[in-house]
């Protein structure tokens, strides 16, 4: 017959096993807390976006053409520009004008190949 291990040895093994279980549970709790925090941040970002949608203007910023929030086609075709807390709305024809002006402004600020500042 095998000799039974002494009682103190078995106690130590049980304590080690219990410590490992506690560490694993702590890791699981930390992972759960991290996932909850990330979900809270995501929900906060979504609520901010929804708040910005409620602050959407009722007309185009350039031509003052009316905007119907219930018309899905208008919602999908009009351009919304958010800069900080300002929300701008542009109809499709005005969107082209705004895009052209933005491209024009970028072209003026970027140096052309071969040209350098100071010459």
C-alpha atoms as a PDB file:
ATOM      1  CA  UNK A   1       0.000   0.000   0.000  1.00  0.00           C
ATOM      2  CA  UNK A   2       0.977   3.513  -0.706  1.00  0.00           C
ATOM      3  CA  UNK A   3       1.739   5.672   2.188  1.00  0.00           C
ATOM      4  CA  UNK A   4      -0.726   8.503   2.688  1.00  0.00           C
ATOM      5  CA  UNK A   5       0.763  11.950   2.494  1.00  0.00           C
ATOM      6  CA  UNK A   6       0.807  13.903   5.660  1.00  0.00           C
ATOM      7  CA  UNK A   7      -2.019  16.258   6.470  1.00  0.00           C
ATOM      8  CA  UNK A   8       0.008  19.497   6.280  1.00  0.00           C
ATOM      9  CA  UNK A   9       1.136  18.714   2.722  1.00  0.00           C
ATOM     10  CA  UNK A  10      -2.482  18.219   1.619  1.00  0.00           C
ATOM     11  CA  UNK A  11      -3.486  21.463   3.300  1.00  0.00           C
ATOM     12  CA  UNK A  12      -0.773  23.349   1.386  1.00  0.00           C
ATOM     13  CA  UNK A  13      -1.957  21.873  -1.908  1.00  0.00           C
ATOM     14  CA  UNK A  14      -5.548  22.868  -1.202  1.00  0.00           C
ATOM     15  CA  UNK A  15      -4.461  26.416  -0.325  1.00  0.00           C
ATOM     16  CA  UNK A  16      -2.442  26.703  -3.559  1.00  0.00           C
ATOM     17  CA  UNK A  17      -5.369  25.431  -5.601  1.00  0.00           C
ATOM     18  CA  UNK A  18      -7.676  27.880  -3.864  1.00  0.00           C
ATOM     19  CA  UNK A  19      -5.228  30.739  -4.508  1.00  0.00           C
ATOM     20  CA  UNK A  20      -5.135  29.851  -8.221  1.00  0.00           C
ATOM     21  CA  UNK A  21      -8.924  29.821  -8.311  1.00  0.00           C
ATOM     22  CA  UNK A  22      -9.044  33.253  -6.678  1.00  0.00           C
ATOM     23  CA  UNK A  23      -6.507  34.655  -9.149  1.00  0.00           C
ATOM     24  CA  UNK A  24      -8.524  33.274 -12.055  1.00  0.00           C
ATOM     25  CA  UNK A  25     -11.716  34.801 -10.649  1.00  0.00           C
ATOM     26  CA  UNK A  26      -9.939  38.140 -10.171  1.00  0.00           C
ATOM     27  CA  UNK A  27      -8.809  38.064 -13.807  1.00  0.00           C
ATOM     28  CA  UNK A  28     -12.344  37.245 -14.913  1.00  0.00           C
ATOM     29  CA  UNK A  29     -13.725  40.124 -12.846  1.00  0.00           C
ATOM     30  CA  UNK A  30     -11.150  42.517 -14.317  1.00  0.00           C
ATOM     31  CA  UNK A  31     -11.993  41.411 -17.857  1.00  0.00           C
ATOM     32  CA  UNK A  32     -15.704  41.819 -17.164  1.00  0.00           C
ATOM     33  CA  UNK A  33     -15.160  45.293 -15.710  1.00  0.00           C
ATOM     34  CA  UNK A  34     -13.066  46.273 -18.744  1.00  0.00           C
ATOM     35  CA  UNK A  35     -15.763  45.084 -21.168  1.00  0.00           C
ATOM     36  CA  UNK A  36     -18.453  46.943 -19.207  1.00  0.00           C
ATOM     37  CA  UNK A  37     -16.341  50.127 -19.276  1.00  0.00           C
ATOM     38  CA  UNK A  38     -15.849  49.845 -23.041  1.00  0.00           C
ATOM     39  CA  UNK A  39     -19.597  49.282 -23.530  1.00  0.00           C
ATOM     40  CA  UNK A  40     -20.338  52.348 -21.401  1.00  0.00           C
ATOM     41  CA  UNK A  41     -17.956  54.451 -23.505  1.00  0.00           C
ATOM     42  CA  UNK A  42     -19.578  53.157 -26.691  1.00  0.00           C
ATOM     43  CA  UNK A  43     -23.059  53.940 -25.375  1.00  0.00           C
ATOM     44  CA  UNK A  44     -21.877  57.414 -24.404  1.00  0.00           C
ATOM     45  CA  UNK A  45     -20.509  58.017 -27.919  1.00  0.00           C
ATOM     46  CA  UNK A  46     -23.753  56.812 -29.482  1.00  0.00           C
ATOM     47  CA  UNK A  47     -25.825  59.060 -27.248  1.00  0.00           C
ATOM     48  CA  UNK A  48     -23.607  62.029 -28.204  1.00  0.00           C
ATOM     49  CA  UNK A  49     -24.200  61.293 -31.907  1.00  0.00           C
ATOM     50  CA  UNK A  50     -27.942  61.005 -31.334  1.00  0.00           C
ATOM     51  CA  UNK A  51     -27.861  64.328 -29.480  1.00  0.00           C
ATOM     52  CA  UNK A  52     -26.095  65.906 -32.455  1.00  0.00           C
ATOM     53  CA  UNK A  53     -28.815  64.546 -34.758  1.00  0.00           C
ATOM     54  CA  UNK A  54     -31.416  66.308 -32.634  1.00  0.00           C
ATOM     55  CA  UNK A  55     -29.472  69.581 -33.096  1.00  0.00           C
ATOM     56  CA  UNK A  56     -29.545  69.160 -36.887  1.00  0.00           C
ATOM     57  CA  UNK A  57     -30.680  72.350 -38.671  1.00  0.00           C
ATOM     58  CA  UNK A  58     -34.012  72.467 -40.520  1.00  0.00           C
ATOM     59  CA  UNK A  59     -32.518  73.903 -43.720  1.00  0.00           C
ATOM     60  CA  UNK A  60     -29.384  73.913 -45.862  1.00  0.00           C
ATOM     61  CA  UNK A  61     -26.677  76.242 -44.531  1.00  0.00           C
ATOM     62  CA  UNK A  62     -25.985  77.742 -47.993  1.00  0.00           C
ATOM     63  CA  UNK A  63     -29.246  77.912 -49.931  1.00  0.00           C
ATOM     64  CA  UNK A  64     -31.796  77.629 -47.069  1.00  0.00           C
ATOM     65  CA  UNK A  65     -33.626  74.752 -48.788  1.00  0.00           C
ATOM     66  CA  UNK A  66     -35.881  72.977 -46.255  1.00  0.00           C
ATOM     67  CA  UNK A  67     -34.843  69.639 -44.738  1.00  0.00           C
ATOM     68  CA  UNK A  68     -37.415  66.994 -43.770  1.00  0.00           C
ATOM     69  CA  UNK A  69     -36.076  64.702 -41.023  1.00  0.00           C
ATOM     70  CA  UNK A  70     -38.754  62.099 -41.731  1.00  0.00           C
ATOM     71  CA  UNK A  71     -37.788  61.688 -45.406  1.00  0.00           C
ATOM     72  CA  UNK A  72     -35.294  58.816 -45.584  1.00  0.00           C
ATOM     73  CA  UNK A  73     -34.064  59.877 -49.039  1.00  0.00           C
ATOM     74  CA  UNK A  74     -33.147  63.324 -47.724  1.00  0.00           C
ATOM     75  CA  UNK A  75     -31.435  61.843 -44.683  1.00  0.00           C
ATOM     76  CA  UNK A  76     -29.287  59.617 -46.917  1.00  0.00           C
ATOM     77  CA  UNK A  77     -28.468  62.230 -49.578  1.00  0.00           C
ATOM     78  CA  UNK A  78     -27.768  65.394 -47.573  1.00  0.00           C
ATOM     79  CA  UNK A  79     -24.326  66.009 -46.084  1.00  0.00           C
ATOM     80  CA  UNK A  80     -23.898  66.600 -42.358  1.00  0.00           C
ATOM     81  CA  UNK A  81     -20.674  68.203 -41.135  1.00  0.00           C
ATOM     82  CA  UNK A  82     -19.894  68.186 -37.409  1.00  0.00           C
ATOM     83  CA  UNK A  83     -17.113  70.450 -36.149  1.00  0.00           C
ATOM     84  CA  UNK A  84     -16.953  70.400 -32.379  1.00  0.00           C
ATOM     85  CA  UNK A  85     -20.424  71.427 -31.246  1.00  0.00           C
ATOM     86  CA  UNK A  86     -21.417  73.024 -34.592  1.00  0.00           C
ATOM     87  CA  UNK A  87     -23.600  70.941 -36.900  1.00  0.00           C
ATOM     88  CA  UNK A  88     -23.868  72.030 -40.550  1.00  0.00           C
ATOM     89  CA  UNK A  89     -26.257  70.632 -43.145  1.00  0.00           C
ATOM     90  CA  UNK A  90     -25.843  70.814 -46.943  1.00  0.00           C
ATOM     91  CA  UNK A  91     -28.201  69.722 -49.742  1.00  0.00           C
ATOM     92  CA  UNK A  92     -26.662  67.689 -52.630  1.00  0.00           C
ATOM     93  CA  UNK A  93     -26.089  70.681 -55.009  1.00  0.00           C
ATOM     94  CA  UNK A  94     -24.560  72.778 -52.220  1.00  0.00           C
ATOM     95  CA  UNK A  95     -22.511  69.777 -51.073  1.00  0.00           C
ATOM     96  CA  UNK A  96     -20.674  69.848 -54.413  1.00  0.00           C
ATOM     97  CA  UNK A  97     -19.973  73.565 -53.987  1.00  0.00           C
ATOM     98  CA  UNK A  98     -18.668  73.044 -50.443  1.00  0.00           C
ATOM     99  CA  UNK A  99     -16.486  70.093 -51.509  1.00  0.00           C
ATOM    100  CA  UNK A 100     -15.063  72.191 -54.367  1.00  0.00           C
ATOM    101  CA  UNK A 101     -14.271  75.091 -52.006  1.00  0.00           C
ATOM    102  CA  UNK A 102     -12.608  72.750 -49.522  1.00  0.00           C
ATOM    103  CA  UNK A 103     -10.477  71.177 -52.270  1.00  0.00           C
ATOM    104  CA  UNK A 104      -9.594  74.658 -53.534  1.00  0.00           C
ATOM    105  CA  UNK A 105      -8.542  75.776 -50.040  1.00  0.00           C
ATOM    106  CA  UNK A 106      -6.410  72.653 -49.578  1.00  0.00           C
ATOM    107  CA  UNK A 107      -4.712  73.266 -52.937  1.00  0.00           C
ATOM    108  CA  UNK A 108      -3.812  76.808 -51.882  1.00  0.00           C
ATOM    109  CA  UNK A 109      -2.264  75.676 -48.595  1.00  0.00           C
ATOM    110  CA  UNK A 110      -0.239  72.733 -49.912  1.00  0.00           C
ATOM    111  CA  UNK A 111       2.942  73.562 -51.883  1.00  0.00           C
ATOM    112  CA  UNK A 112       3.177  72.325 -55.464  1.00  0.00           C
ATOM    113  CA  UNK A 113       5.952  69.806 -56.249  1.00  0.00           C
ATOM    114  CA  UNK A 114       9.212  71.667 -56.912  1.00  0.00           C
ATOM    115  CA  UNK A 115       8.100  74.791 -55.078  1.00  0.00           C
ATOM    116  CA  UNK A 116       9.313  75.460 -51.581  1.00  0.00           C
ATOM    117  CA  UNK A 117       8.410  78.129 -49.107  1.00  0.00           C
ATOM    118  CA  UNK A 118      10.732  81.128 -49.140  1.00  0.00           C
ATOM    119  CA  UNK A 119      11.626  81.176 -52.872  1.00  0.00           C
END
